[in-house]
Amino acid sequence: MRILHIEDRFHPEMGYQINIMAKFHNPENDFIILTSDSLSLWKVQNEQEFFKKSDKHFEEKNSCKIVRLHARRAKGTKYNIWIKALKRKIYELNPDVIYVHAMESITALRILSDRKLITKYNLVTDTHFLYNQIHRSIKFKLFDFLQRLLVYRKINKFNIPVFYTAEENKDILLNQYHIKSDLIHSCLIGTDLQQYYFSENDRISFRKKFHFNENSTVLLYAGKHNHLKAPHLILEAMKKVEHEVTDTLHLVFLGARDEKYFDTHMNPTFKNSKIHFHYFGVVPSFELYAYYSMSDFVVFPKENTLSALDAQACKRPVILENDMTNRERAKHGGLVYDRDNLRQLGLKIVELLNDDRFRIELGERGLQYVKKYYDYRKIIAQMEDRLYKLFEHDK
């Protein structure tokens, strides 16, 4: 099958779902990514030179093709961008299946509301939308109204399959969007077990590299440093319980940073001299498994992140904010705390800090859970098998 994946922005060196889909796709299928020429979300300089090098490497490595189109309204961190000549390029590529990623985007609205495209091609879409992303703004309500009017009705009318990427999505598709249940299929966000695994050798070598004694405990955060991900909440939580820390604790932070946010919130002062703060910046994705292995547990204090599964694949327990998706992902390999309850977050950290046996038990259980339900290789094979069954009459 010739499958066209449409994604607003695509970074070939990241570990997002579409990157992993390309990695594990059935080589008998043509895998084409149609996307924009904007990498502003990642602040990439000299984008055209980057495309020439990194796109080519990704294509060769994963036996796929990347097609980029110019986009309007694509500067900065805006998500709803306008890809120019989008429909013209779709007709030119003439795929067997069009997979429109993120059904809540303007790109998805343009495609899924177009009767000509719907009747000519086999369309599928997916959603990553979660309840904590619902806003009360007029702009959000207006776009939601347009989606209901122009997209969700057509999905039901023309029987367009929809994949959910988390159990919470499924609930939203059924109860908020009122998509027919027989159109809803699973394609969960998972983790790449080839890339994420525990390494005792790297644990030892990285602890030596950063002068962390094996008897000390390492808490890790990996992700963006901004108000949405709010890693400073870890520091605020620790201030509330620092008197309970009796052994050396290293707080290690990885990832890109918003300078204003970082300067304002990420300069901690602890009265307890056993607590040490470290910021190591951005690290290559292929090295993250070693940083997870070096740590003892991982904390993601706000929202949802794919990294919670990656950490568990490395046998690291996680602490997450309490919501439907995080409870599902951490139910065997982690703990959750109630939103904005920093005292509770601090106590969860102390609980893992003080109980080595419990930490190891959570790590083992989390790894087995991820292997069973969140292995990307299995998930993608099942998704492609579903596409064959849905559209086999058109082969």
Protein backbone atom coordinates (compact mmCIF):
# COMPACT_ATOMS: atom_id res chain seq x y z
CA MET A 1 0.00 0.00 0.00
CA ARG A 2 1.07 3.57 -0.67
CA ILE A 3 0.41 5.35 2.64
CA LEU A 4 0.65 9.13 2.91
CA HIS A 5 1.15 10.45 6.46
CA ILE A 6 0.27 14.13 6.86
CA GLU A 7 1.81 15.95 9.83
CA ASP A 8 2.02 19.73 10.31
CA ARG A 9 5.63 19.69 11.49
CA PHE A 10 8.20 16.92 11.32
CA HIS A 11 11.66 16.79 12.88
CA PRO A 12 13.65 13.79 11.58
CA GLU A 13 15.88 13.60 14.65
CA MET A 14 13.12 13.44 17.26
CA GLY A 15 11.36 10.41 18.70
CA TYR A 16 7.73 11.30 18.04
CA GLN A 17 5.10 8.79 17.00
CA ILE A 18 5.47 9.41 13.26
CA ASN A 19 9.26 8.97 13.50
CA ILE A 20 8.78 5.56 15.07
CA MET A 21 6.04 4.65 12.58
CA ALA A 22 8.54 5.25 9.80
CA LYS A 23 11.17 3.19 11.60
CA PHE A 24 8.94 0.14 12.08
CA HIS A 25 6.66 0.34 9.02
CA ASN A 26 6.20 -2.69 6.82
CA PRO A 27 8.86 -2.33 4.08
CA GLU A 28 6.34 -3.62 1.54
CA ASN A 29 4.41 -0.35 2.02
CA ASP A 30 5.43 3.00 0.58
CA PHE A 31 5.75 5.34 3.56
CA ILE A 32 5.48 9.05 2.62
CA ILE A 33 5.51 11.98 5.07
CA LEU A 34 3.87 15.16 3.78
CA THR A 35 4.70 18.05 6.09
CA SER A 36 5.68 21.72 6.28
CA ASP A 37 9.09 23.34 6.01
CA SER A 38 8.85 24.77 9.55
CA LEU A 39 10.99 23.60 12.45
CA SER A 40 10.45 26.71 14.54
CA LEU A 41 9.13 24.67 17.48
CA TRP A 42 12.67 23.34 17.91
CA LYS A 43 14.46 26.63 17.10
CA VAL A 44 16.46 25.01 14.29
CA GLN A 45 18.81 27.40 12.50
CA ASN A 46 19.45 27.20 8.73
CA GLU A 47 16.41 25.01 8.13
CA GLN A 48 17.08 24.39 4.45
CA GLU A 49 20.58 23.05 5.12
CA PHE A 50 19.18 20.97 7.96
CA PHE A 51 16.54 19.46 5.64
CA LYS A 52 19.11 18.49 3.02
CA LYS A 53 21.20 16.59 5.53
CA SER A 54 18.76 15.22 8.11
CA ASP A 55 15.82 14.48 5.81
CA LYS A 56 18.05 12.54 3.44
CA HIS A 57 19.56 10.56 6.31
CA PHE A 58 16.10 9.75 7.72
CA GLU A 59 14.80 8.67 4.30
CA GLU A 60 17.74 6.35 3.70
CA LYS A 61 17.68 4.88 7.20
CA ASN A 62 13.91 4.21 7.25
CA SER A 63 13.16 3.54 3.56
CA CYS A 64 10.63 6.36 3.31
CA LYS A 65 10.10 9.69 1.56
CA ILE A 66 9.69 13.19 3.06
CA VAL A 67 7.84 15.89 1.10
CA ARG A 68 7.93 19.43 2.50
CA LEU A 69 5.69 22.35 1.55
CA HIS A 70 5.93 25.99 2.55
CA ALA A 71 3.66 27.06 5.41
CA ARG A 72 2.10 30.32 6.54
CA ARG A 73 1.61 31.33 10.17
CA ALA A 74 4.39 28.89 11.04
CA LYS A 75 6.79 31.09 12.98
CA GLY A 76 7.43 30.60 16.67
CA THR A 77 5.42 28.00 18.57
CA LYS A 78 2.08 28.34 16.77
CA TYR A 79 0.41 24.99 16.21
CA ASN A 80 -2.37 25.83 13.75
CA ILE A 81 -0.33 26.52 10.64
CA TRP A 82 -1.44 26.74 7.01
CA ILE A 83 0.41 24.43 4.60
CA LYS A 84 0.34 25.86 1.08
CA ALA A 85 -0.62 23.76 -1.97
CA LEU A 86 -1.57 20.91 0.35
CA LYS A 87 -4.45 19.43 -1.63
CA ARG A 88 -2.66 19.83 -4.94
CA LYS A 89 0.27 17.80 -3.59
CA ILE A 90 -2.07 15.08 -2.28
CA TYR A 91 -3.54 14.59 -5.75
CA GLU A 92 -0.05 14.57 -7.23
CA LEU A 93 1.16 11.86 -4.82
CA ASN A 94 -2.05 9.85 -5.34
CA PRO A 95 -1.79 7.51 -2.33
CA ASP A 96 -3.83 4.42 -1.48
CA VAL A 97 -4.37 5.63 2.08
CA ILE A 98 -4.13 9.10 3.63
CA TYR A 99 -3.33 9.10 7.35
CA VAL A 100 -4.11 12.57 8.74
CA HIS A 101 -2.37 12.98 12.08
CA ALA A 102 -4.04 15.11 14.78
CA MET A 103 -7.68 15.52 13.75
CA GLU A 104 -7.99 18.75 15.78
CA SER A 105 -5.62 20.70 13.51
CA ILE A 106 -6.45 23.16 10.72
CA THR A 107 -4.72 20.78 8.29
CA ALA A 108 -7.07 17.98 9.34
CA LEU A 109 -10.08 20.29 9.03
CA ARG A 110 -9.07 21.18 5.46
CA ILE A 111 -8.78 17.53 4.45
CA LEU A 112 -11.55 15.87 6.44
CA SER A 113 -14.14 18.46 5.43
CA ASP A 114 -13.34 18.12 1.70
CA ARG A 115 -15.97 15.88 0.11
CA LYS A 116 -13.90 15.36 -3.03
CA LEU A 117 -10.91 14.05 -1.08
CA ILE A 118 -13.13 11.92 1.14
CA THR A 119 -14.82 10.20 -1.78
CA LYS A 120 -11.67 9.75 -3.86
CA TYR A 121 -9.26 8.42 -1.21
CA ASN A 122 -9.20 6.07 1.77
CA LEU A 123 -8.83 8.39 4.75
CA VAL A 124 -7.91 7.68 8.37
CA THR A 125 -7.08 10.09 11.16
CA ASP A 126 -6.10 10.07 14.82
CA THR A 127 -6.32 12.17 17.95
CA HIS A 128 -3.84 12.98 20.71
CA PHE A 129 -6.25 15.36 22.44
CA LEU A 130 -6.68 15.12 26.22
CA TYR A 131 -9.10 16.68 28.69
CA ASN A 132 -6.40 18.93 30.17
CA GLN A 133 -6.08 20.63 26.77
CA ILE A 134 -9.64 21.95 26.78
CA HIS A 135 -9.77 25.75 27.08
CA ARG A 136 -12.54 28.22 27.78
CA SER A 137 -11.35 30.82 25.30
CA ILE A 138 -13.62 32.09 22.52
CA LYS A 139 -11.05 31.04 19.92
CA PHE A 140 -11.01 27.47 21.22
CA LYS A 141 -14.81 27.26 21.36
CA LEU A 142 -15.13 28.62 17.81
CA PHE A 143 -12.66 26.11 16.38
CA ASP A 144 -14.35 23.30 18.30
CA PHE A 145 -17.68 24.35 16.78
CA LEU A 146 -16.18 24.27 13.27
CA GLN A 147 -14.72 20.83 13.90
CA ARG A 148 -18.07 19.48 15.04
CA LEU A 149 -19.86 21.05 12.09
CA LEU A 150 -17.37 20.24 9.33
CA VAL A 151 -15.33 17.24 10.50
CA TYR A 152 -16.97 14.99 13.07
CA ARG A 153 -20.22 14.74 11.13
CA LYS A 154 -18.35 13.74 7.98
CA ILE A 155 -16.33 11.15 9.87
CA ASN A 156 -19.58 9.48 10.91
CA LYS A 157 -21.30 9.98 7.57
CA PHE A 158 -18.46 8.62 5.42
CA ASN A 159 -17.22 6.04 7.95
CA ILE A 160 -13.69 7.43 8.31
CA PRO A 161 -11.66 5.33 10.80
CA VAL A 162 -10.14 7.16 13.77
CA PHE A 163 -7.22 5.91 15.87
CA TYR A 164 -6.91 6.86 19.54
CA THR A 165 -3.40 7.17 20.98
CA ALA A 166 -4.35 6.93 24.67
CA GLU A 167 -7.36 5.51 26.49
CA GLU A 168 -8.40 9.05 27.38
CA ASN A 169 -8.66 9.85 23.66
CA LYS A 170 -11.12 7.01 23.23
CA ASP A 171 -13.33 8.48 25.93
CA ILE A 172 -13.21 11.89 24.22
CA LEU A 173 -14.01 10.43 20.80
CA LEU A 174 -17.07 8.65 22.18
CA ASN A 175 -18.43 11.13 24.69
CA GLN A 176 -17.26 14.53 23.44
CA TYR A 177 -17.05 14.15 19.65
CA HIS A 178 -19.75 11.44 19.45
CA ILE A 179 -17.83 9.39 16.88
CA LYS A 180 -19.47 6.04 16.14
CA SER A 181 -17.82 3.31 18.21
CA ASP A 182 -17.24 0.99 15.24
CA LEU A 183 -15.01 3.67 13.62
CA ILE A 184 -12.68 3.91 16.64
CA HIS A 185 -9.46 1.84 16.70
CA SER A 186 -6.39 1.64 18.92
CA CYS A 187 -2.91 2.89 17.99
CA LEU A 188 -1.43 3.78 21.37
CA ILE A 189 1.50 6.05 21.97
CA GLY A 190 4.28 3.67 22.97
CA THR A 191 8.01 3.40 23.37
CA ASP A 192 10.84 2.09 21.21
CA LEU A 193 12.32 -0.81 23.17
CA GLN A 194 15.28 -0.89 20.82
CA GLN A 195 16.27 2.62 21.88
CA TYR A 196 15.15 2.64 25.51
CA TYR A 197 16.46 -0.02 27.88
CA PHE A 198 18.35 -0.26 31.16
CA SER A 199 22.14 -0.48 30.96
CA GLU A 200 24.16 -1.25 34.06
CA ASN A 201 27.40 -0.36 32.27
CA ASP A 202 26.09 3.08 31.27
CA ARG A 203 24.71 3.62 34.77
CA ILE A 204 28.20 3.11 36.18
CA SER A 205 30.04 5.12 33.50
CA PHE A 206 27.66 8.10 33.56
CA ARG A 207 27.74 8.28 37.36
CA LYS A 208 31.51 8.36 37.16
CA LYS A 209 31.33 11.03 34.44
CA PHE A 210 29.26 13.34 36.65
CA HIS A 211 30.93 12.33 39.93
CA PHE A 212 27.79 10.82 41.42
CA ASN A 213 28.54 8.28 44.13
CA GLU A 214 26.69 4.99 43.65
CA ASN A 215 25.25 5.37 47.16
CA SER A 216 23.65 8.68 46.25
CA THR A 217 20.20 8.96 44.66
CA VAL A 218 19.55 10.65 41.30
CA LEU A 219 16.15 12.17 40.44
CA LEU A 220 15.85 12.97 36.72
CA TYR A 221 13.64 15.32 34.71
CA ALA A 222 13.86 15.25 30.89
CA GLY A 223 11.85 17.65 28.74
CA LYS A 224 11.18 21.27 27.93
CA HIS A 225 11.83 23.89 30.58
CA ASN A 226 8.80 26.16 30.25
CA HIS A 227 5.56 27.04 32.03
CA LEU A 228 3.61 24.21 30.38
CA LYS A 229 5.93 21.43 31.57
CA ALA A 230 6.81 23.36 34.77
CA PRO A 231 9.87 21.40 35.97
CA HIS A 232 10.39 24.04 38.67
CA LEU A 233 7.55 22.35 40.56
CA ILE A 234 10.04 19.62 41.44
CA LEU A 235 12.25 22.23 43.12
CA GLU A 236 9.28 23.83 44.90
CA ALA A 237 8.12 20.42 46.12
CA MET A 238 11.58 19.59 47.42
CA LYS A 239 11.70 22.80 49.44
CA LYS A 240 8.64 21.59 51.32
CA VAL A 241 10.26 18.30 52.32
CA GLU A 242 13.99 18.99 52.24
CA HIS A 243 14.29 18.45 56.00
CA GLU A 244 13.33 14.79 55.36
CA VAL A 245 16.27 14.17 52.99
CA THR A 246 19.07 12.50 54.95
CA ASP A 247 21.20 11.07 52.14
CA THR A 248 22.76 12.72 49.08
CA LEU A 249 20.18 13.55 46.39
CA HIS A 250 21.09 14.85 42.93
CA LEU A 251 18.35 16.66 41.00
CA VAL A 252 19.27 16.35 37.31
CA PHE A 253 17.44 18.34 34.63
CA LEU A 254 17.75 17.74 30.87
CA GLY A 255 16.19 19.52 27.90
CA ALA A 256 15.74 22.76 26.02
CA ARG A 257 14.90 25.85 28.01
CA ASP A 258 12.92 29.02 27.69
CA GLU A 259 15.50 31.51 28.93
CA LYS A 260 13.08 33.82 30.74
CA TYR A 261 11.36 30.90 32.45
CA PHE A 262 14.65 29.26 33.38
CA ASP A 263 16.20 32.43 34.83
CA THR A 264 13.07 33.08 36.87
CA HIS A 265 12.30 29.61 38.20
CA MET A 266 15.31 27.30 37.93
CA ASN A 267 17.76 28.82 40.42
CA PRO A 268 17.04 26.88 43.61
CA THR A 269 18.54 27.43 47.03
CA PHE A 270 18.20 24.60 49.52
CA LYS A 271 19.01 24.79 53.21
CA ASN A 272 19.82 21.07 53.11
CA SER A 273 23.38 20.70 51.79
CA LYS A 274 22.70 17.09 50.74
CA ILE A 275 20.45 18.26 47.86
CA HIS A 276 22.31 19.21 44.67
CA PHE A 277 20.88 20.82 41.51
CA HIS A 278 22.29 20.08 38.03
CA TYR A 279 21.21 21.28 34.58
CA PHE A 280 22.87 19.43 31.67
CA GLY A 281 20.94 21.02 28.79
CA VAL A 282 19.84 19.19 25.65
CA VAL A 283 21.20 15.68 25.12
CA PRO A 284 20.88 13.53 21.97
CA SER A 285 17.82 11.29 22.00
CA PHE A 286 19.99 8.21 21.40
CA GLU A 287 21.75 8.89 24.73
CA LEU A 288 18.63 9.32 26.84
CA TYR A 289 18.52 5.64 27.82
CA ALA A 290 21.92 6.10 29.52
CA TYR A 291 20.68 9.11 31.52
CA TYR A 292 17.58 7.17 32.57
CA SER A 293 19.82 4.24 33.55
CA MET A 294 22.02 6.60 35.59
CA SER A 295 19.01 7.86 37.53
CA ASP A 296 16.97 6.10 40.22
CA PHE A 297 13.57 7.56 39.35
CA VAL A 298 12.08 10.18 37.03
CA VAL A 299 9.59 12.98 37.70
CA PHE A 300 7.37 14.72 35.13
CA PRO A 301 5.38 17.18 37.26
CA LYS A 302 2.99 18.63 34.68
CA GLU A 303 0.84 17.51 31.75
CA ASN A 304 1.52 14.27 29.83
CA THR A 305 4.67 13.11 28.12
CA LEU A 306 5.78 10.18 25.99
CA SER A 307 8.96 10.12 28.06
CA ALA A 308 7.07 8.55 30.95
CA LEU A 309 6.93 5.33 28.92
CA ASP A 310 10.56 5.66 27.78
CA ALA A 311 11.69 5.96 31.40
CA GLN A 312 9.76 2.85 32.41
CA ALA A 313 11.30 0.96 29.49
CA CYS A 314 14.61 1.72 31.25
CA LYS A 315 13.24 0.27 34.53
CA ARG A 316 12.92 3.70 36.12
CA PRO A 317 9.84 4.44 38.26
CA VAL A 318 7.99 7.67 37.37
CA ILE A 319 6.02 10.27 39.31
CA LEU A 320 3.32 12.05 37.28
CA GLU A 321 0.48 14.50 37.72
CA ASN A 322 -2.79 12.69 38.44
CA ASP A 323 -5.06 12.49 35.39
CA MET A 324 -6.69 9.73 33.37
CA THR A 325 -3.81 9.20 30.93
CA ASN A 326 -1.05 9.39 33.54
CA ARG A 327 -2.86 6.99 35.85
CA GLU A 328 -3.09 4.51 32.99
CA ARG A 329 0.57 4.84 32.00
CA ALA A 330 1.94 4.71 35.56
CA LYS A 331 -0.41 2.18 37.15
CA HIS A 332 2.29 -0.50 37.44
CA GLY A 333 5.52 1.47 37.28
CA GLY A 334 4.96 4.74 39.07
CA LEU A 335 3.09 7.08 41.38
CA VAL A 336 0.76 10.02 40.77
CA TYR A 337 0.16 13.17 42.79
CA ASP A 338 -2.83 15.52 42.83
CA ARG A 339 -2.54 18.61 40.68
CA ASP A 340 -1.00 21.64 42.45
CA ASN A 341 -0.43 19.64 45.66
CA LEU A 342 3.31 20.22 45.93
CA ARG A 343 3.50 18.87 49.46
CA GLN A 344 2.12 15.58 48.16
CA LEU A 345 4.59 15.60 45.26
CA GLY A 346 7.43 16.12 47.71
CA LEU A 347 6.25 13.22 49.86
CA LYS A 348 6.07 10.93 46.79
CA ILE A 349 9.66 11.86 45.97
CA VAL A 350 10.76 11.13 49.54
CA GLU A 351 8.91 7.81 49.43
CA LEU A 352 10.95 6.66 46.42
CA LEU A 353 14.10 8.22 47.83
CA ASN A 354 13.89 6.24 51.07
CA ASP A 355 12.60 2.87 49.85
CA ASP A 356 15.11 1.13 47.58
CA ARG A 357 13.14 -2.12 47.47
CA PHE A 358 9.91 -0.39 46.43
CA ARG A 359 11.79 1.58 43.76
CA ILE A 360 13.27 -1.58 42.26
CA GLU A 361 9.90 -3.34 42.38
CA LEU A 362 8.17 -0.46 40.56
CA GLY A 363 10.93 -0.41 37.96
CA GLU A 364 10.55 -4.11 37.19
CA ARG A 365 6.76 -3.96 37.07
CA GLY A 366 6.81 -0.87 34.86
CA LEU A 367 9.14 -2.51 32.35
CA GLN A 368 6.93 -5.60 32.05
CA TYR A 369 3.83 -3.44 31.65
CA VAL A 370 5.43 -1.35 28.90
CA LYS A 371 6.65 -4.45 27.08
CA LYS A 372 3.16 -5.94 27.10
CA TYR A 373 1.06 -2.91 26.12
CA TYR A 374 3.32 -0.12 24.81
CA ASP A 375 5.87 -1.76 22.51
CA TYR A 376 5.87 0.42 19.38
CA ARG A 377 6.95 -2.43 17.10
CA LYS A 378 3.81 -4.40 18.00
CA ILE A 379 1.53 -1.35 18.01
CA ILE A 380 2.57 -0.21 14.52
CA ALA A 381 2.29 -3.71 13.08
CA GLN A 382 -1.25 -3.95 14.48
CA MET A 383 -2.13 -0.52 13.06
CA GLU A 384 -0.93 -1.44 9.57
CA ASP A 385 -2.76 -4.74 9.79
CA ARG A 386 -5.90 -2.77 10.65
CA LEU A 387 -5.40 -0.61 7.54
CA TYR A 388 -5.15 -3.71 5.36
CA LYS A 389 -8.39 -5.06 6.78
CA LEU A 390 -10.20 -1.73 6.47
CA PHE A 391 -9.20 -1.13 2.87
CA GLU A 392 -8.43 -4.58 1.44
CA HIS A 393 -11.32 -4.24 -1.00
CA ASP A 394 -9.33 -1.45 -2.72
CA LYS A 395 -6.14 -3.44 -3.26
